[in-house]
C-alpha atoms as a PDB file:
ATOM      1  CA  MET A   1     115.011  95.649 135.674  1.00  0.00           C
ATOM      2  CA  ARG A   2     112.634  94.252 133.060  1.00  0.00           C
ATOM      3  CA  GLN A   3     108.999  94.922 133.795  1.00  0.00           C
ATOM      4  CA  TYR A   4     105.999  93.219 132.234  1.00  0.00           C
ATOM      5  CA  GLN A   5     102.375  94.147 132.436  1.00  0.00           C
ATOM      6  CA  ILE A   6     100.020  91.403 133.593  1.00  0.00           C
ATOM      7  CA  VAL A   7      96.905  91.631 131.487  1.00  0.00           C
ATOM      8  CA  PRO A   8      93.510  90.770 133.056  1.00  0.00           C
ATOM      9  CA  GLY A   9      93.196  87.593 131.009  1.00  0.00           C
ATOM     10  CA  ALA A  10      96.353  86.219 132.606  1.00  0.00           C
ATOM     11  CA  LEU A  11      95.280  87.008 136.184  1.00  0.00           C
ATOM     12  CA  CYS A  12      93.655  83.630 136.733  1.00  0.00           C
ATOM     13  CA  ALA A  13      96.793  81.771 135.637  1.00  0.00           C
ATOM     14  CA  CYS A  14      98.968  83.920 137.902  1.00  0.00           C
ATOM     15  CA  VAL A  15      96.719  83.283 140.911  1.00  0.00           C
ATOM     16  CA  LEU A  16      96.791  79.561 140.211  1.00  0.00           C
ATOM     17  CA  LEU A  17     100.579  79.592 140.034  1.00  0.00           C
ATOM     18  CA  LEU A  18     100.818  81.333 143.394  1.00  0.00           C
ATOM     19  CA  ALA A  19      98.487  78.757 144.887  1.00  0.00           C
ATOM     20  CA  GLY A  20     100.182  75.842 143.149  1.00  0.00           C
ATOM     21  CA  CYS A  21     100.712  73.856 146.352  1.00  0.00           C
ATOM     22  CA  SER A  22      96.947  73.301 146.661  1.00  0.00           C
ATOM     23  CA  LEU A  23      96.355  72.408 143.026  1.00  0.00           C
ATOM     24  CA  SER A  24      96.545  69.124 141.165  1.00  0.00           C
ATOM     25  CA  PRO A  25      99.658  68.616 139.015  1.00  0.00           C
ATOM     26  CA  LEU A  26      97.567  69.052 135.870  1.00  0.00           C
ATOM     27  CA  ALA A  27      96.076  72.331 137.100  1.00  0.00           C
ATOM     28  CA  SER A  28      99.512  73.690 138.037  1.00  0.00           C
ATOM     29  CA  ARG A  29     101.022  72.651 134.694  1.00  0.00           C
ATOM     30  CA  THR A  30      98.236  74.094 132.566  1.00  0.00           C
ATOM     31  CA  ALA A  31      98.349  77.330 134.590  1.00  0.00           C
ATOM     32  CA  ALA A  32     102.104  77.623 134.008  1.00  0.00           C
ATOM     33  CA  PHE A  33     101.640  76.874 130.304  1.00  0.00           C
ATOM     34  CA  SER A  34      98.880  79.473 130.059  1.00  0.00           C
ATOM     35  CA  SER A  35     100.987  82.145 131.770  1.00  0.00           C
ATOM     36  CA  ALA A  36     103.986  81.528 129.490  1.00  0.00           C
ATOM     37  CA  THR A  37     101.789  81.375 126.373  1.00  0.00           C
ATOM     38  CA  ASN A  38     100.165  84.677 127.298  1.00  0.00           C
ATOM     39  CA  LEU A  39     103.583  86.345 127.543  1.00  0.00           C
ATOM     40  CA  VAL A  40     104.638  84.939 124.180  1.00  0.00           C
ATOM     41  CA  VAL A  41     101.421  85.915 122.395  1.00  0.00           C
ATOM     42  CA  ASN A  42     101.469  89.480 123.741  1.00  0.00           C
ATOM     43  CA  ASN A  43     105.021  89.998 122.555  1.00  0.00           C
ATOM     44  CA  SER A  44     104.427  88.137 119.272  1.00  0.00           C
ATOM     45  CA  GLU A  45     101.716  90.625 118.371  1.00  0.00           C
ATOM     46  CA  ASN A  46     104.144  93.456 119.195  1.00  0.00           C
ATOM     47  CA  ALA A  47     106.807  91.791 117.034  1.00  0.00           C
ATOM     48  CA  TYR A  48     104.551  91.628 113.977  1.00  0.00           C
ATOM     49  CA  ARG A  49     103.578  95.277 114.359  1.00  0.00           C
ATOM     50  CA  ALA A  50     107.167  96.352 114.978  1.00  0.00           C
ATOM     51  CA  ALA A  51     108.400  94.537 111.857  1.00  0.00           C
ATOM     52  CA  VAL A  52     105.743  96.307 109.795  1.00  0.00           C
ATOM     53  CA  ARG A  53     106.559  99.689 111.360  1.00  0.00           C
ATOM     54  CA  LEU A  54     110.294  99.395 110.733  1.00  0.00           C
ATOM     55  CA  ASN A  55     109.727  98.407 107.126  1.00  0.00           C
ATOM     56  CA  ASP A  56     107.242 101.264 106.632  1.00  0.00           C
ATOM     57  CA  GLU A  57     109.645 103.778 108.190  1.00  0.00           C
ATOM     58  CA  ALA A  58     112.481 102.717 105.910  1.00  0.00           C
ATOM     59  CA  GLN A  59     110.302 103.100 102.815  1.00  0.00           C
ATOM     60  CA  ALA A  60     108.872 106.439 103.982  1.00  0.00           C
ATOM     61  CA  SER A  61     112.350 107.765 104.664  1.00  0.00           C
ATOM     62  CA  MET A  62     113.382 106.871 101.136  1.00  0.00           C
ATOM     63  CA  LEU A  63     110.260 108.511  99.708  1.00  0.00           C
ATOM     64  CA  VAL A  64     111.027 111.769 101.530  1.00  0.00           C
ATOM     65  CA  ALA A  65     114.683 111.753 100.516  1.00  0.00           C
ATOM     66  CA  ARG A  66     113.855 111.333  96.829  1.00  0.00           C
ATOM     67  CA  TYR A  67     110.765 113.513  96.640  1.00  0.00           C
ATOM     68  CA  ASP A  68     112.392 116.394  94.702  1.00  0.00           C
ATOM     69  CA  SER A  69     115.110 114.332  93.044  1.00  0.00           C
ATOM     70  CA  PRO A  70     115.443 113.267  89.402  1.00  0.00           C
ATOM     71  CA  GLN A  71     114.635 109.724  90.598  1.00  0.00           C
ATOM     72  CA  PRO A  72     111.582 110.139  92.858  1.00  0.00           C
ATOM     73  CA  MET A  73     109.825 107.127  94.338  1.00  0.00           C
ATOM     74  CA  ASP A  74     106.231 106.483  93.398  1.00  0.00           C
ATOM     75  CA  PRO A  75     104.120 106.618  96.619  1.00  0.00           C
ATOM     76  CA  HIS A  76     101.876 103.960  95.087  1.00  0.00           C
ATOM     77  CA  ALA A  77     104.857 101.594  95.023  1.00  0.00           C
ATOM     78  CA  LEU A  78     105.072 101.562  98.828  1.00  0.00           C
ATOM     79  CA  LYS A  79     103.806  98.280 100.223  1.00  0.00           C
ATOM     80  CA  HIS A  80     103.381  97.108 103.815  1.00  0.00           C
ATOM     81  CA  LEU A  81     105.374  94.040 104.832  1.00  0.00           C
ATOM     82  CA  ILE A  82     102.030  92.817 106.239  1.00  0.00           C
ATOM     83  CA  ASP A  83      98.781  94.532 105.242  1.00  0.00           C
ATOM     84  CA  PRO A  84      96.048  95.221 107.844  1.00  0.00           C
ATOM     85  CA  LYS A  85      94.048  92.133 106.822  1.00  0.00           C
ATOM     86  CA  GLY A  86      97.101  89.922 107.137  1.00  0.00           C
ATOM     87  CA  LEU A  87      98.003  91.378 110.509  1.00  0.00           C
ATOM     88  CA  GLU A  88      94.457  90.804 111.723  1.00  0.00           C
ATOM     89  CA  ALA A  89      94.581  87.158 110.590  1.00  0.00           C
ATOM     90  CA  ARG A  90      97.863  86.477 112.386  1.00  0.00           C
ATOM     91  CA  THR A  91      96.603  88.176 115.543  1.00  0.00           C
ATOM     92  CA  ALA A  92      93.438  86.074 115.439  1.00  0.00           C
ATOM     93  CA  VAL A  93      95.441  82.833 115.252  1.00  0.00           C
ATOM     94  CA  LEU A  94      97.705  83.879 118.121  1.00  0.00           C
ATOM     95  CA  ASN A  95      94.727  84.941 120.210  1.00  0.00           C
ATOM     96  CA  GLY A  96      93.139  81.559 119.560  1.00  0.00           C
ATOM     97  CA  LEU A  97      96.196  79.774 120.957  1.00  0.00           C
ATOM     98  CA  ARG A  98      96.248  82.065 124.005  1.00  0.00           C
ATOM     99  CA  THR A  99      92.535  81.580 124.696  1.00  0.00           C
ATOM    100  CA  TYR A 100      92.935  77.821 124.327  1.00  0.00           C
ATOM    101  CA  ALA A 101      95.749  77.840 126.910  1.00  0.00           C
ATOM    102  CA  ARG A 102      93.637  79.897 129.320  1.00  0.00           C
ATOM    103  CA  SER A 103      90.656  77.601 128.791  1.00  0.00           C
ATOM    104  CA  ILE A 104      92.444  74.349 129.597  1.00  0.00           C
ATOM    105  CA  ALA A 105      93.949  75.971 132.716  1.00  0.00           C
ATOM    106  CA  ASP A 106      90.459  77.097 133.713  1.00  0.00           C
ATOM    107  CA  LEU A 107      89.005  73.624 133.160  1.00  0.00           C
ATOM    108  CA  ALA A 108      91.846  71.810 134.920  1.00  0.00           C
ATOM    109  CA  SER A 109      91.544  74.007 138.014  1.00  0.00           C
ATOM    110  CA  GLY A 110      87.757  73.822 138.177  1.00  0.00           C
ATOM    111  CA  VAL A 111      87.564  77.627 138.138  1.00  0.00           C
ATOM    112  CA  SER A 112      84.693  78.980 136.077  1.00  0.00           C
ATOM    113  CA  SER A 113      84.876  82.352 134.349  1.00  0.00           C
ATOM    114  CA  SER A 114      81.864  83.579 132.406  1.00  0.00           C
ATOM    115  CA  LYS A 115      84.031  86.317 130.874  1.00  0.00           C
ATOM    116  CA  LEU A 116      86.546  83.761 129.592  1.00  0.00           C
ATOM    117  CA  ASP A 117      83.750  81.472 128.366  1.00  0.00           C
ATOM    118  CA  SER A 118      82.258  84.328 126.375  1.00  0.00           C
ATOM    119  CA  ALA A 119      85.645  85.327 124.951  1.00  0.00           C
ATOM    120  CA  ALA A 120      86.435  81.698 124.052  1.00  0.00           C
ATOM    121  CA  LYS A 121      83.196  81.325 122.111  1.00  0.00           C
ATOM    122  CA  SER A 122      83.869  84.538 120.208  1.00  0.00           C
ATOM    123  CA  VAL A 123      87.458  83.554 119.388  1.00  0.00           C
ATOM    124  CA  GLY A 124      86.347  80.042 118.484  1.00  0.00           C
ATOM    125  CA  ALA A 125      83.740  81.310 116.039  1.00  0.00           C
ATOM    126  CA  ASN A 126      86.369  83.555 114.449  1.00  0.00           C
ATOM    127  CA  LEU A 127      88.799  80.647 114.029  1.00  0.00           C
ATOM    128  CA  GLN A 128      86.129  78.482 112.456  1.00  0.00           C
ATOM    129  CA  LYS A 129      85.391  81.254 109.947  1.00  0.00           C
ATOM    130  CA  MET A 130      89.089  81.424 109.129  1.00  0.00           C
ATOM    131  CA  GLY A 131      89.134  77.657 108.634  1.00  0.00           C
ATOM    132  CA  ASP A 132      86.163  77.909 106.275  1.00  0.00           C
ATOM    133  CA  ALA A 133      87.840  80.755 104.382  1.00  0.00           C
ATOM    134  CA  ILE A 134      91.014  78.732 103.918  1.00  0.00           C
ATOM    135  CA  SER A 135      89.162  75.629 102.735  1.00  0.00           C
ATOM    136  CA  ALA A 136      87.256  77.817 100.258  1.00  0.00           C
ATOM    137  CA  SER A 137      90.550  79.238  98.948  1.00  0.00           C
ATOM    138  CA  THR A 138      89.603  82.700 100.187  1.00  0.00           C
ATOM    139  CA  PRO A 139      92.707  84.826 100.878  1.00  0.00           C
ATOM    140  CA  ILE A 140      93.173  85.586 104.580  1.00  0.00           C
ATOM    141  CA  GLY A 141      96.390  87.561 104.304  1.00  0.00           C
ATOM    142  CA  ILE A 142      98.781  84.718 105.150  1.00  0.00           C
ATOM    143  CA  ASP A 143     100.935  83.043 102.490  1.00  0.00           C
ATOM    144  CA  ILE A 144      99.983  79.372 102.439  1.00  0.00           C
ATOM    145  CA  THR A 145     100.440  76.375 100.145  1.00  0.00           C
ATOM    146  CA  PRO A 146      97.523  74.109  99.137  1.00  0.00           C
ATOM    147  CA  ALA A 147      98.893  71.311 101.341  1.00  0.00           C
ATOM    148  CA  GLU A 148      99.162  73.644 104.318  1.00  0.00           C
ATOM    149  CA  ALA A 149      95.671  74.964 103.603  1.00  0.00           C
ATOM    150  CA  ASN A 150      93.993  71.582 104.131  1.00  0.00           C
ATOM    151  CA  ALA A 151      95.785  70.837 107.398  1.00  0.00           C
ATOM    152  CA  THR A 152      95.424  74.385 108.711  1.00  0.00           C
ATOM    153  CA  SER A 153      91.719  74.566 107.923  1.00  0.00           C
ATOM    154  CA  THR A 154      91.112  71.365 109.894  1.00  0.00           C
ATOM    155  CA  ALA A 155      93.275  72.529 112.805  1.00  0.00           C
ATOM    156  CA  LEU A 156      91.649  75.955 113.073  1.00  0.00           C
ATOM    157  CA  LYS A 157      88.162  74.460 112.956  1.00  0.00           C
ATOM    158  CA  ALA A 158      89.068  71.922 115.655  1.00  0.00           C
ATOM    159  CA  LEU A 159      90.515  74.608 117.916  1.00  0.00           C
ATOM    160  CA  GLY A 160      87.492  76.805 117.271  1.00  0.00           C
ATOM    161  CA  GLU A 161      85.095  73.952 118.042  1.00  0.00           C
ATOM    162  CA  PHE A 162      86.806  73.305 121.374  1.00  0.00           C
ATOM    163  CA  LEU A 163      86.688  76.963 122.391  1.00  0.00           C
ATOM    164  CA  ILE A 164      82.996  77.162 121.568  1.00  0.00           C
ATOM    165  CA  ALA A 165      82.038  73.868 123.253  1.00  0.00           C
ATOM    166  CA  GLN A 166      84.190  74.046 126.444  1.00  0.00           C
ATOM    167  CA  LYS A 167      84.563  70.365 127.439  1.00  0.00           C
ATOM    168  CA  VAL A 168      84.187  69.085 131.021  1.00  0.00           C
ATOM    169  CA  LYS A 169      87.001  69.016 133.580  1.00  0.00           C
ATOM    170  CA  SER A 170      87.473  65.221 133.571  1.00  0.00           C
ATOM    171  CA  SER A 171      88.409  65.267 129.885  1.00  0.00           C
ATOM    172  CA  VAL A 172      91.232  67.831 130.076  1.00  0.00           C
ATOM    173  CA  PRO A 173      94.095  65.307 129.512  1.00  0.00           C
ATOM    174  CA  LYS A 174      92.229  63.931 126.480  1.00  0.00           C
ATOM    175  CA  ILE A 175      91.594  67.456 125.178  1.00  0.00           C
ATOM    176  CA  ILE A 176      95.290  68.318 125.407  1.00  0.00           C
ATOM    177  CA  ASN A 177      96.330  65.109 123.643  1.00  0.00           C
ATOM    178  CA  ASP A 178      93.672  65.491 120.940  1.00  0.00           C
ATOM    179  CA  MET A 179      94.591  69.127 120.375  1.00  0.00           C
ATOM    180  CA  ASP A 180      98.360  68.548 120.221  1.00  0.00           C
ATOM    181  CA  PRO A 181      98.478  67.783 116.450  1.00  0.00           C
ATOM    182  CA  ASN A 182      96.276  70.810 115.779  1.00  0.00           C
ATOM    183  CA  VAL A 183      98.461  73.132 117.851  1.00  0.00           C
ATOM    184  CA  GLU A 184     101.508  71.793 116.004  1.00  0.00           C
ATOM    185  CA  THR A 185      99.850  72.367 112.619  1.00  0.00           C
ATOM    186  CA  ILE A 186      98.894  75.939 113.514  1.00  0.00           C
ATOM    187  CA  CYS A 187     102.400  76.666 114.796  1.00  0.00           C
ATOM    188  CA  ASN A 188     103.897  75.174 111.615  1.00  0.00           C
ATOM    189  CA  LEU A 189     101.690  77.512 109.571  1.00  0.00           C
ATOM    190  CA  LEU A 190     103.015  80.503 111.520  1.00  0.00           C
ATOM    191  CA  LEU A 191     106.610  79.287 111.183  1.00  0.00           C
ATOM    192  CA  SER A 192     106.276  78.890 107.417  1.00  0.00           C
ATOM    193  CA  ASP A 193     104.698  82.327 107.179  1.00  0.00           C
ATOM    194  CA  ILE A 194     107.438  83.945 109.285  1.00  0.00           C
ATOM    195  CA  ALA A 195     110.103  82.419 107.046  1.00  0.00           C
ATOM    196  CA  ILE A 196     108.420  84.022 104.030  1.00  0.00           C
ATOM    197  CA  LEU A 197     108.184  87.366 105.843  1.00  0.00           C
ATOM    198  CA  ARG A 198     111.879  87.256 106.759  1.00  0.00           C
ATOM    199  CA  ASP A 199     112.832  86.602 103.149  1.00  0.00           C
ATOM    200  CA  GLN A 200     110.557  89.360 101.848  1.00  0.00           C
ATOM    201  CA  SER A 201     111.777  91.795 104.497  1.00  0.00           C
ATOM    202  CA  GLY A 202     115.413  91.120 103.569  1.00  0.00           C
ATOM    203  CA  ARG A 203     114.645  91.722  99.892  1.00  0.00           C
ATOM    204  CA  ASP A 204     112.830  94.971 100.703  1.00  0.00           C
ATOM    205  CA  TYR A 205     115.747  96.367 102.665  1.00  0.00           C
ATOM    206  CA  GLU A 206     118.317  95.334 100.066  1.00  0.00           C
ATOM    207  CA  GLN A 207     116.254  97.108  97.423  1.00  0.00           C
ATOM    208  CA  LEU A 208     116.081 100.219  99.601  1.00  0.00           C
ATOM    209  CA  LEU A 209     119.842 100.116 100.090  1.00  0.00           C
ATOM    210  CA  ALA A 210     120.449  99.780  96.362  1.00  0.00           C
ATOM    211  CA  GLN A 211     118.060 102.640  95.611  1.00  0.00           C
ATOM    212  CA  GLN A 212     119.681 104.911  98.185  1.00  0.00           C
ATOM    213  CA  ASP A 213     123.171 104.103  96.918  1.00  0.00           C
ATOM    214  CA  SER A 214     122.067 104.773  93.329  1.00  0.00           C
ATOM    215  CA  PHE A 215     120.468 108.059  94.358  1.00  0.00           C
ATOM    216  CA  ILE A 216     123.660 109.282  96.070  1.00  0.00           C
ATOM    217  CA  ARG A 217     125.907 108.346  93.137  1.00  0.00           C
ATOM    218  CA  HIS A 218     123.638 109.858  90.485  1.00  0.00           C
ATOM    219  CA  ALA A 219     123.025 113.046  92.478  1.00  0.00           C
ATOM    220  CA  GLY A 220     126.718 113.819  92.358  1.00  0.00           C
ATOM    221  CA  THR A 221     127.550 117.505  92.803  1.00  0.00           C
ATOM    222  CA  SER A 222     123.873 118.506  92.946  1.00  0.00           C
ATOM    223  CA  LEU A 223     124.085 117.642  96.640  1.00  0.00           C
ATOM    224  CA  SER A 224     125.954 119.949  98.961  1.00  0.00           C
ATOM    225  CA  PRO A 225     128.625 118.337 101.175  1.00  0.00           C
ATOM    226  CA  THR A 226     126.201 118.475 104.105  1.00  0.00           C
ATOM    227  CA  GLU A 227     123.350 116.956 102.080  1.00  0.00           C
ATOM    228  CA  ARG A 228     125.616 114.252 100.691  1.00  0.00           C
ATOM    229  CA  ARG A 229     126.792 113.348 104.191  1.00  0.00           C
ATOM    230  CA  SER A 230     123.190 113.157 105.376  1.00  0.00           C
ATOM    231  CA  GLU A 231     122.200 110.865 102.502  1.00  0.00           C
ATOM    232  CA  ILE A 232     125.196 108.580 103.075  1.00  0.00           C
ATOM    233  CA  GLU A 233     124.246 108.314 106.754  1.00  0.00           C
ATOM    234  CA  ARG A 234     120.920 106.835 105.672  1.00  0.00           C
ATOM    235  CA  LEU A 235     122.700 103.688 104.444  1.00  0.00           C
ATOM    236  CA  PRO A 236     123.735 102.346 107.875  1.00  0.00           C
ATOM    237  CA  GLN A 237     120.349 103.401 109.239  1.00  0.00           C
ATOM    238  CA  ILE A 238     118.640 101.182 106.692  1.00  0.00           C
ATOM    239  CA  LEU A 239     121.001  98.335 107.619  1.00  0.00           C
ATOM    240  CA  LEU A 240     120.221  98.771 111.313  1.00  0.00           C
ATOM    241  CA  LYS A 241     116.504  98.510 110.626  1.00  0.00           C
ATOM    242  CA  LYS A 242     117.078  95.480 108.418  1.00  0.00           C
ATOM    243  CA  GLU A 243     118.963  93.711 111.221  1.00  0.00           C
ATOM    244  CA  ALA A 244     116.419  94.757 113.852  1.00  0.00           C
ATOM    245  CA  THR A 245     113.520  93.505 111.762  1.00  0.00           C
ATOM    246  CA  ASP A 246     115.223  90.182 111.065  1.00  0.00           C
ATOM    247  CA  ASP A 247     116.118  89.740 114.757  1.00  0.00           C
ATOM    248  CA  MET A 248     112.497  90.430 115.670  1.00  0.00           C
ATOM    249  CA  LEU A 249     111.148  87.903 113.166  1.00  0.00           C
ATOM    250  CA  ALA A 250     113.777  85.303 114.168  1.00  0.00           C
ATOM    251  CA  GLY A 251     112.754  85.729 117.797  1.00  0.00           C
ATOM    252  CA  LEU A 252     109.121  85.402 116.787  1.00  0.00           C
ATOM    253  CA  ALA A 253     109.870  82.127 114.991  1.00  0.00           C
ATOM    254  CA  ASP A 254     111.688  80.800 118.051  1.00  0.00           C
ATOM    255  CA  SER A 255     108.725  81.699 120.281  1.00  0.00           C
ATOM    256  CA  VAL A 256     106.260  79.880 118.029  1.00  0.00           C
ATOM    257  CA  LYS A 257     108.556  76.847 117.860  1.00  0.00           C
ATOM    258  CA  GLN A 258     108.854  76.787 121.651  1.00  0.00           C
ATOM    259  CA  LEU A 259     105.073  77.023 121.969  1.00  0.00           C
ATOM    260  CA  ALA A 260     104.589  73.882 119.870  1.00  0.00           C
ATOM    261  CA  LEU A 261     107.300  71.977 121.757  1.00  0.00           C
ATOM    262  CA  THR A 262     105.922  73.036 125.146  1.00  0.00           C
ATOM    263  CA  HIS A 263     102.394  71.986 124.282  1.00  0.00           C
ATOM    264  CA  HIS A 264     103.673  68.600 123.152  1.00  0.00           C
ATOM    265  CA  ALA A 265     105.485  68.215 126.489  1.00  0.00           C
ATOM    266  CA  LEU A 266     102.259  69.220 128.257  1.00  0.00           C
ATOM    267  CA  ALA A 267     100.369  66.514 126.358  1.00  0.00           C
ATOM    268  CA  VAL A 268     102.911  63.914 127.517  1.00  0.00           C
ATOM    269  CA  ALA A 269     102.827  65.218 131.086  1.00  0.00           C
ATOM    270  CA  ALA A 270      99.030  65.324 131.254  1.00  0.00           C
ATOM    271  CA  THR A 271      98.899  61.658 132.274  1.00  0.00           C
ATOM    272  CA  THR A 272     102.079  61.396 134.382  1.00  0.00           C
ATOM    273  CA  LYS A 273     103.124  62.473 137.874  1.00  0.00           C
ATOM    274  CA  ASP A 274     106.582  63.793 137.030  1.00  0.00           C
ATOM    275  CA  ALA A 275     107.229  66.228 134.221  1.00  0.00           C
ATOM    276  CA  PRO A 276     110.822  67.519 134.332  1.00  0.00           C
ATOM    277  CA  SER A 277     110.920  68.067 130.576  1.00  0.00           C
ATOM    278  CA  LEU A 278     107.726  70.128 130.763  1.00  0.00           C
ATOM    279  CA  ASP A 279     109.208  72.412 133.416  1.00  0.00           C
ATOM    280  CA  ALA A 280     112.211  73.008 131.180  1.00  0.00           C
ATOM    281  CA  ARG A 281     110.009  73.607 128.143  1.00  0.00           C
ATOM    282  CA  ILE A 282     107.849  76.137 129.998  1.00  0.00           C
ATOM    283  CA  ALA A 283     111.009  77.943 131.109  1.00  0.00           C
ATOM    284  CA  ASP A 284     112.189  78.001 127.474  1.00  0.00           C
ATOM    285  CA  LEU A 285     108.799  79.289 126.316  1.00  0.00           C
ATOM    286  CA  ARG A 286     108.800  82.075 128.884  1.00  0.00           C
ATOM    287  CA  GLY A 287     112.393  82.910 127.982  1.00  0.00           C
ATOM    288  CA  ALA A 288     111.451  83.209 124.315  1.00  0.00           C
ATOM    289  CA  GLY A 289     108.649  85.600 125.215  1.00  0.00           C
ATOM    290  CA  GLU A 290     110.986  87.691 127.345  1.00  0.00           C
ATOM    291  CA  ARG A 291     113.554  87.878 124.549  1.00  0.00           C
ATOM    292  CA  LEU A 292     110.854  89.132 122.189  1.00  0.00           C
ATOM    293  CA  ALA A 293     110.101  91.882 124.690  1.00  0.00           C
ATOM    294  CA  ASP A 294     113.817  92.737 124.836  1.00  0.00           C
ATOM    295  CA  TYR A 295     114.003  92.947 121.033  1.00  0.00           C
ATOM    296  CA  TYR A 296     111.043  95.300 121.061  1.00  0.00           C
ATOM    297  CA  LEU A 297     112.551  97.574 123.726  1.00  0.00           C
ATOM    298  CA  ALA A 298     115.883  97.698 121.862  1.00  0.00           C
ATOM    299  CA  LEU A 299     114.436  98.685 118.484  1.00  0.00           C
ATOM    300  CA  PRO A 300     116.182 101.617 116.769  1.00  0.00           C
ATOM    301  CA  LYS A 301     114.346 104.904 116.882  1.00  0.00           C
ATOM    302  CA  LYS A 302     113.269 106.847 113.834  1.00  0.00           C
END
């Protein structure tokens, strides 16, 4: 049976879901959206780190195998799929979306949390700094085009401003509608970035495969039968990690896409009594988060 840890920040949303019969439709919907978003963000962060780890392991394995060979790898040539600064930037964006979802659920339910308010202001200030950095053409560790930079800078600043200001309860439907284009823009940034990462990851693994194949063929009789067998066995191991990394990044892209679609459905449902499409979207969003967790649990070992 799959088990998931409920983090403290999601506790409010879970309580609201359990007490849904006494809440307004908007409060119940934002609580459900917040809970599903929290699951997706937690597992998205794991997916980024797992993709980096798998890529690092494949490169390190190649470095070890070739250390004493006529064709050694240069340790300085090793490069992370995502460097620490880039990973921090992506995590900050995801955390901003999660905190936004928690905040609108908090506002819609009328529940006040000083801890969440403090966290929202901190996250909001961070997002605004990222928006300023992008508009100033300062690298933040995410591949981005000039056109995407303008839209993303505006979206991050708007999301940051909301998290810092914390609007009043009566304006929640307006907040959700006003924020919908910004959430879509931020999700589109992540989707574009993930596509680039998938392409780069595929190229990295193909290069590792080619290098390993070349090493085996050039080593010839210098390898004992046992050593040769061991080196050949590295080829399918590299392929397995390539497939696992691509599956992880594909699942990450699907989760981000579902997040944008679900928020749009929430914006439509914010002013209506019935929201069947929203219920389906939230189920899809939660399912995407659960699949990411499954990918993570099924990753090949070293």
